[in-house]
Amino acid sequence: MNNRIVTSLGLVLLMLTAGCIGNVHDESIMELPDDWRTQTSRTISQPHLVQFESCLNMEYDLKASIAEEYRTQLLQAVEEQYYYGWGMFDDGMVAESAMDGDASAGAAQPQARIQGEDFSGTNNQEQGVDEADFIKTDGYYIYALQGSTLSIMNVPTYGEIEFSSNSSIEGSPISMMLRGDRLVVLSSYNPWNIDEEDALYEYLRWGGDYSQWRVNSLTKYTTYNISDRSSPEVIQELYLEGYNVDAREIEGSIRAVTHSWLNIPGLSGWLNMPSAYYDLNWDDPQRRTYREMIAYETIQANQEVLESIALEELVPKIYQRIDD
């Protein structure tokens, strides 16, 4: 009997020295490092582009940013705030669209109409920069996005409008940019609307055992040749991961900012609590101890997941549809 008591006391001491601070419903609760909750300090400043000296530096900073985002979510869950951020990437992209091809002003007109004198233009605040809008005009035609349709109307003389054409837009139109005989329409697009037979289908998924979509939203850029306004021709289709924040056209190039949440396999921003947690009373202080323990373990697991992912899988991607 005494041997059993000594053995039991020895096991208790062993658990204490190993860092266990309690045992509730057969679930061990570990003692956590003092600094595990320390968060990266943040300040408010003007956003600016940063050029990395190497891919290694970029990978380090990108993974650190992702880890901190998930860490913040987990710490909020510990406090039972249940607020989850929406951003992983704010991506400045320069899309070399087909706008930098033939940018002529179209068929010759009896008299040139000058923006700012003969017509007002739309939403353009800087010379040489075309800002995205849902309605555009070049002084001779009016271009409007209505529902899922691009409508073009001719203005033969001031005060008169004639119908020219309607074109269906894939996705939900957001805005457009105009340069001569090139018109680019931006539309939001959901990956789950893509047919399984579409070649794009597999590119948008992680593949392997994790078949989830990489992102939950896409922005499509459809470039039209509108030299014949009565029959616009699609000449390029680009899909950018994320939803559109802003876009501008400068000298034939489109500068776009997209915002995206990347569904990275294995990362978790929530607490997967053991059954013993829910057996405790609501005001039991052990509930918080459980939340802290699970949050710490999840943070460590997330770090391991990030270390196993290559840089090219973390950066936003652009897809171009090419006809066979």
Protein backbone atom coordinates (compact mmCIF):
# COMPACT_ATOMS: atom_id res chain seq x y z
CA MET A 1 0.00 0.00 0.00
CA ASN A 2 2.77 2.43 0.94
CA ASN A 3 4.57 1.59 -2.27
CA ARG A 4 1.45 2.54 -4.21
CA ILE A 5 1.21 5.89 -2.37
CA VAL A 6 4.85 6.67 -3.08
CA THR A 7 4.35 5.73 -6.72
CA SER A 8 1.29 8.00 -6.99
CA LEU A 9 3.11 10.92 -5.40
CA GLY A 10 6.01 10.35 -7.76
CA LEU A 11 3.72 10.54 -10.80
CA VAL A 12 2.14 13.76 -9.55
CA LEU A 13 5.57 15.34 -9.04
CA LEU A 14 6.61 14.17 -12.50
CA MET A 15 3.56 15.85 -14.07
CA LEU A 16 4.25 19.09 -12.21
CA THR A 17 7.88 19.22 -13.29
CA ALA A 18 6.82 18.45 -16.87
CA GLY A 19 4.76 21.64 -16.95
CA CYS A 20 1.25 20.29 -16.34
CA ILE A 21 -0.80 22.61 -14.16
CA GLY A 22 -4.02 20.66 -14.01
CA ASN A 23 -6.03 17.71 -15.20
CA VAL A 24 -9.69 18.11 -16.03
CA HIS A 25 -11.73 15.22 -17.42
CA ASP A 26 -8.55 13.39 -18.45
CA GLU A 27 -7.34 16.34 -20.56
CA SER A 28 -3.88 17.70 -19.69
CA ILE A 29 -3.41 21.47 -19.64
CA MET A 30 0.13 22.65 -20.35
CA GLU A 31 1.92 25.63 -18.89
CA LEU A 32 2.51 28.15 -21.65
CA PRO A 33 5.53 30.41 -22.32
CA ASP A 34 5.25 33.87 -20.76
CA ASP A 35 5.56 35.71 -24.08
CA TRP A 36 3.28 33.56 -26.23
CA ARG A 37 0.59 36.26 -26.38
CA THR A 38 2.94 39.08 -27.41
CA GLN A 39 1.65 40.60 -30.64
CA THR A 40 3.49 42.56 -33.29
CA SER A 41 3.05 46.29 -32.68
CA ARG A 42 1.09 48.10 -35.38
CA THR A 43 1.02 51.75 -36.41
CA ILE A 44 -1.14 53.71 -38.82
CA SER A 45 0.74 55.00 -41.85
CA GLN A 46 0.35 55.64 -45.56
CA PRO A 47 0.51 52.46 -47.67
CA HIS A 48 3.42 52.14 -50.06
CA LEU A 49 4.96 49.48 -52.27
CA VAL A 50 8.02 47.67 -50.96
CA GLN A 51 10.54 46.07 -53.30
CA PHE A 52 12.17 42.99 -51.79
CA GLU A 53 15.86 42.35 -52.31
CA SER A 54 15.31 38.61 -52.68
CA CYS A 55 12.58 35.99 -52.92
CA LEU A 56 13.75 34.67 -49.55
CA ASN A 57 13.04 38.02 -47.87
CA MET A 58 9.67 38.20 -49.55
CA GLU A 59 8.78 34.67 -48.43
CA TYR A 60 9.80 35.42 -44.84
CA ASP A 61 7.75 38.62 -44.60
CA LEU A 62 4.74 37.12 -46.36
CA LYS A 63 4.63 34.08 -44.11
CA ALA A 64 5.16 36.25 -41.03
CA SER A 65 2.20 38.40 -42.07
CA ILE A 66 -0.03 35.37 -42.61
CA ALA A 67 1.02 33.82 -39.30
CA GLU A 68 0.28 37.06 -37.45
CA GLU A 69 -3.17 37.32 -39.07
CA TYR A 70 -4.14 33.84 -37.87
CA ARG A 71 -2.49 34.42 -34.51
CA THR A 72 -4.60 37.53 -34.00
CA GLN A 73 -7.76 35.58 -34.76
CA LEU A 74 -6.83 32.89 -32.25
CA LEU A 75 -6.03 35.41 -29.52
CA GLN A 76 -9.37 37.09 -30.15
CA ALA A 77 -11.04 33.70 -29.80
CA VAL A 78 -9.30 33.26 -26.44
CA GLU A 79 -10.95 36.50 -25.34
CA GLU A 80 -14.20 35.27 -26.93
CA GLN A 81 -14.39 38.32 -29.15
CA TYR A 82 -15.02 36.21 -32.26
CA TYR A 83 -13.92 38.82 -34.74
CA TYR A 84 -12.13 37.56 -37.81
CA GLY A 85 -10.20 39.70 -40.25
CA TRP A 86 -10.89 39.63 -43.95
CA GLY A 87 -7.53 40.37 -45.46
CA MET A 88 -4.54 38.36 -46.35
CA PHE A 89 -3.20 40.25 -49.33
CA ASP A 90 -3.42 43.78 -50.62
CA ASP A 91 -1.91 43.16 -53.99
CA GLY A 92 -0.79 45.84 -56.38
CA MET A 93 -0.79 44.26 -59.81
CA VAL A 94 0.12 45.66 -63.20
CA ALA A 95 -1.77 43.81 -65.90
CA GLU A 96 -0.38 44.25 -69.39
CA SER A 97 -3.71 44.06 -71.14
CA ALA A 98 -4.55 44.20 -74.82
CA MET A 99 -5.25 47.90 -74.35
CA ASP A 100 -1.67 48.66 -75.31
CA GLY A 101 -2.35 47.44 -78.83
CA ASP A 102 -4.26 49.56 -81.33
CA ALA A 103 -5.51 52.53 -79.33
CA SER A 104 -6.71 54.64 -82.23
CA ALA A 105 -9.70 56.89 -81.81
CA GLY A 106 -11.86 54.87 -84.21
CA ALA A 107 -13.34 55.93 -87.52
CA ALA A 108 -12.65 59.48 -88.70
CA GLN A 109 -15.22 62.03 -87.56
CA PRO A 110 -16.21 65.25 -89.31
CA GLN A 111 -15.03 67.24 -86.32
CA ALA A 112 -13.04 66.04 -83.34
CA ARG A 113 -14.84 66.28 -80.01
CA ILE A 114 -12.54 67.32 -77.19
CA GLN A 115 -12.99 66.09 -73.63
CA GLY A 116 -13.47 68.99 -71.26
CA GLU A 117 -14.80 71.21 -74.05
CA ASP A 118 -17.36 69.20 -76.03
CA PHE A 119 -18.06 66.51 -73.41
CA SER A 120 -17.21 66.06 -69.75
CA GLY A 121 -15.72 62.56 -69.61
CA THR A 122 -16.37 60.38 -66.55
CA ASN A 123 -14.57 60.06 -63.24
CA ASN A 124 -11.13 60.99 -64.60
CA GLN A 125 -9.25 63.27 -62.22
CA GLU A 126 -5.75 63.18 -63.67
CA GLN A 127 -4.52 63.81 -67.20
CA GLY A 128 -3.52 60.59 -68.96
CA VAL A 129 -5.10 58.36 -66.31
CA ASP A 130 -8.38 56.56 -67.02
CA GLU A 131 -10.21 55.62 -63.83
CA ALA A 132 -12.64 52.72 -63.73
CA ASP A 133 -16.34 53.60 -63.86
CA PHE A 134 -19.66 51.94 -64.77
CA ILE A 135 -20.33 54.48 -67.53
CA LYS A 136 -17.90 55.94 -70.08
CA THR A 137 -17.98 58.23 -73.09
CA ASP A 138 -15.48 59.26 -75.75
CA GLY A 139 -17.67 62.04 -77.11
CA TYR A 140 -19.09 59.87 -79.91
CA TYR A 141 -20.34 56.85 -77.99
CA ILE A 142 -21.69 56.13 -74.52
CA TYR A 143 -20.65 52.85 -72.86
CA ALA A 144 -22.74 51.62 -69.92
CA LEU A 145 -22.79 48.56 -67.68
CA GLN A 146 -26.34 47.45 -66.93
CA GLY A 147 -26.76 44.24 -64.96
CA SER A 148 -24.65 41.66 -66.79
CA THR A 149 -24.67 43.60 -70.06
CA LEU A 150 -22.32 46.07 -71.73
CA SER A 151 -24.40 48.51 -73.78
CA ILE A 152 -22.92 50.83 -76.41
CA MET A 153 -24.92 53.78 -77.73
CA ASN A 154 -23.98 56.13 -80.55
CA VAL A 155 -24.24 59.92 -80.22
CA PRO A 156 -24.39 61.09 -83.87
CA THR A 157 -25.20 64.66 -82.86
CA TYR A 158 -25.69 66.28 -79.51
CA GLY A 159 -29.12 65.49 -78.13
CA GLU A 160 -29.49 62.23 -80.08
CA ILE A 161 -28.71 58.67 -78.97
CA GLU A 162 -28.81 55.54 -81.12
CA PHE A 163 -28.43 51.94 -80.00
CA SER A 164 -25.27 50.21 -81.25
CA SER A 165 -24.85 46.89 -79.40
CA ASN A 166 -25.25 44.78 -76.27
CA SER A 167 -22.64 42.29 -75.02
CA SER A 168 -23.03 39.76 -72.20
CA ILE A 169 -20.46 39.92 -69.39
CA GLU A 170 -19.24 36.86 -67.49
CA GLY A 171 -19.63 37.43 -63.76
CA SER A 172 -21.03 40.57 -62.13
CA PRO A 173 -19.77 43.75 -63.86
CA ILE A 174 -18.06 46.27 -61.60
CA SER A 175 -16.57 48.96 -63.82
CA MET A 176 -14.67 49.55 -67.05
CA MET A 177 -11.81 51.52 -68.59
CA LEU A 178 -11.64 53.00 -72.07
CA ARG A 179 -8.72 53.80 -74.35
CA GLY A 180 -9.39 54.43 -78.04
CA ASP A 181 -10.68 51.20 -79.59
CA ARG A 182 -10.01 49.15 -76.46
CA LEU A 183 -12.50 48.72 -73.64
CA VAL A 184 -11.73 46.67 -70.52
CA VAL A 185 -14.62 45.48 -68.34
CA LEU A 186 -13.99 44.41 -64.74
CA SER A 187 -16.36 41.86 -63.23
CA SER A 188 -16.44 39.86 -60.01
CA TYR A 189 -16.47 36.12 -60.46
CA ASN A 190 -17.03 33.24 -58.04
CA PRO A 191 -14.83 30.15 -58.49
CA TRP A 192 -17.69 27.79 -57.66
CA ASN A 193 -19.54 29.01 -60.77
CA ILE A 194 -16.89 27.46 -63.01
CA ASP A 195 -17.90 24.28 -64.81
CA GLU A 196 -15.83 21.19 -63.98
CA GLU A 197 -15.06 20.79 -67.68
CA ASP A 198 -13.49 24.25 -67.81
CA ALA A 199 -9.67 24.17 -67.95
CA LEU A 200 -9.61 26.92 -65.31
CA TYR A 201 -11.39 24.68 -62.81
CA GLU A 202 -8.31 22.73 -61.67
CA TYR A 203 -6.03 25.76 -61.59
CA LEU A 204 -8.23 27.43 -58.99
CA ARG A 205 -8.10 24.50 -56.58
CA TRP A 206 -5.28 23.32 -54.34
CA GLY A 207 -5.46 19.76 -55.61
CA GLY A 208 -4.36 16.60 -53.84
CA ASP A 209 -6.23 15.73 -50.65
CA TYR A 210 -7.21 19.38 -50.18
CA SER A 211 -9.64 20.20 -52.99
CA GLN A 212 -10.80 23.55 -51.64
CA TRP A 213 -10.67 26.70 -53.77
CA ARG A 214 -7.52 28.79 -53.40
CA VAL A 215 -9.62 31.95 -53.06
CA ASN A 216 -13.31 32.75 -52.68
CA SER A 217 -13.43 35.48 -55.31
CA LEU A 218 -11.88 36.44 -58.64
CA THR A 219 -11.80 39.65 -60.64
CA LYS A 220 -12.12 39.13 -64.37
CA TYR A 221 -10.69 41.59 -66.91
CA THR A 222 -12.36 41.26 -70.31
CA THR A 223 -10.74 43.31 -73.08
CA TYR A 224 -12.87 44.23 -76.12
CA ASN A 225 -11.86 45.48 -79.52
CA ILE A 226 -14.57 48.06 -80.15
CA SER A 227 -13.38 49.38 -83.51
CA ASP A 228 -16.78 48.11 -84.69
CA ARG A 229 -19.10 49.41 -81.97
CA SER A 230 -21.99 47.41 -83.39
CA SER A 231 -20.10 44.13 -82.79
CA PRO A 232 -17.50 44.30 -79.96
CA GLU A 233 -14.94 41.46 -80.05
CA VAL A 234 -13.42 39.83 -76.97
CA ILE A 235 -9.65 39.72 -77.49
CA GLN A 236 -8.38 38.91 -73.98
CA GLU A 237 -9.70 37.40 -70.74
CA LEU A 238 -7.71 37.63 -67.50
CA TYR A 239 -8.69 36.33 -64.06
CA LEU A 240 -7.03 37.84 -60.97
CA GLU A 241 -7.35 36.18 -57.57
CA GLY A 242 -9.24 38.40 -55.14
CA TYR A 243 -11.90 41.06 -55.45
CA ASN A 244 -11.29 44.42 -57.04
CA VAL A 245 -10.40 47.40 -54.85
CA ASP A 246 -9.35 49.89 -57.51
CA ALA A 247 -8.00 49.97 -61.05
CA ARG A 248 -6.61 52.61 -63.40
CA GLU A 249 -5.29 52.63 -66.95
CA ILE A 250 -2.06 54.50 -67.70
CA GLU A 251 -0.51 54.45 -71.17
CA GLY A 252 -2.05 51.11 -72.08
CA SER A 253 -1.25 49.32 -68.80
CA ILE A 254 -3.80 48.61 -66.11
CA ARG A 255 -2.72 49.13 -62.49
CA ALA A 256 -5.01 47.09 -60.26
CA VAL A 257 -5.32 46.55 -56.53
CA THR A 258 -7.08 43.37 -55.41
CA HIS A 259 -7.89 42.14 -51.92
CA SER A 260 -8.01 38.42 -51.21
CA TRP A 261 -8.31 35.82 -48.50
CA LEU A 262 -6.20 32.77 -49.38
CA ASN A 263 -7.61 29.43 -48.19
CA ILE A 264 -4.33 27.82 -47.16
CA PRO A 265 -4.60 24.07 -46.48
CA GLY A 266 -4.08 23.19 -42.82
CA LEU A 267 -4.17 26.71 -41.37
CA SER A 268 -6.73 27.31 -38.65
CA GLY A 269 -8.07 30.55 -37.21
CA TRP A 270 -10.47 28.95 -34.76
CA LEU A 271 -10.19 26.92 -31.56
CA ASN A 272 -10.95 23.22 -31.89
CA MET A 273 -11.88 22.58 -28.28
CA PRO A 274 -11.90 19.12 -26.62
CA SER A 275 -15.16 17.72 -25.29
CA ALA A 276 -14.02 18.31 -21.70
CA TYR A 277 -14.16 22.07 -22.32
CA TYR A 278 -17.91 21.98 -22.89
CA ASP A 279 -18.49 19.93 -19.75
CA LEU A 280 -17.23 22.81 -17.59
CA ASN A 281 -19.51 25.48 -16.16
CA TRP A 282 -19.61 28.74 -18.12
CA ASP A 283 -17.84 30.71 -15.38
CA ASP A 284 -15.22 28.05 -14.65
CA PRO A 285 -11.74 29.67 -14.98
CA GLN A 286 -10.47 26.43 -16.49
CA ARG A 287 -12.37 27.30 -19.67
CA ARG A 288 -10.02 30.17 -20.36
CA THR A 289 -7.03 27.95 -19.59
CA TYR A 290 -8.29 25.51 -22.18
CA ARG A 291 -8.73 28.27 -24.76
CA GLU A 292 -5.21 29.53 -24.17
CA MET A 293 -3.75 26.03 -24.44
CA ILE A 294 -5.57 25.22 -27.70
CA ALA A 295 -4.71 28.64 -29.15
CA TYR A 296 -1.01 28.11 -28.41
CA GLU A 297 -1.02 24.63 -29.95
CA THR A 298 -2.83 25.92 -33.04
CA ILE A 299 -0.35 28.78 -33.46
CA GLN A 300 2.51 26.26 -33.41
CA ALA A 301 0.69 24.01 -35.90
CA ASN A 302 0.05 26.95 -38.23
CA GLN A 303 3.74 27.80 -38.20
CA GLU A 304 4.61 24.25 -39.27
CA VAL A 305 2.08 24.44 -42.11
CA LEU A 306 3.54 27.71 -43.40
CA GLU A 307 7.07 26.33 -43.32
CA SER A 308 5.98 23.50 -45.63
CA ILE A 309 4.39 25.74 -48.29
CA ALA A 310 6.39 27.15 -51.21
CA LEU A 311 6.39 30.87 -51.96
CA GLU A 312 4.75 30.44 -55.38
CA GLU A 313 1.68 28.96 -53.69
CA LEU A 314 1.23 32.02 -51.48
CA VAL A 315 1.42 34.83 -54.00
CA PRO A 316 -1.74 35.91 -55.89
CA LYS A 317 -2.06 34.45 -59.37
CA ILE A 318 -3.27 35.74 -62.72
CA TYR A 319 -4.85 33.36 -65.23
CA GLN A 320 -5.36 34.02 -68.93
CA ARG A 321 -7.93 32.16 -71.00
CA ILE A 322 -6.52 31.13 -74.37
CA ASP A 323 -8.65 29.63 -77.13
CA ASP A 324 -7.54 26.28 -78.53
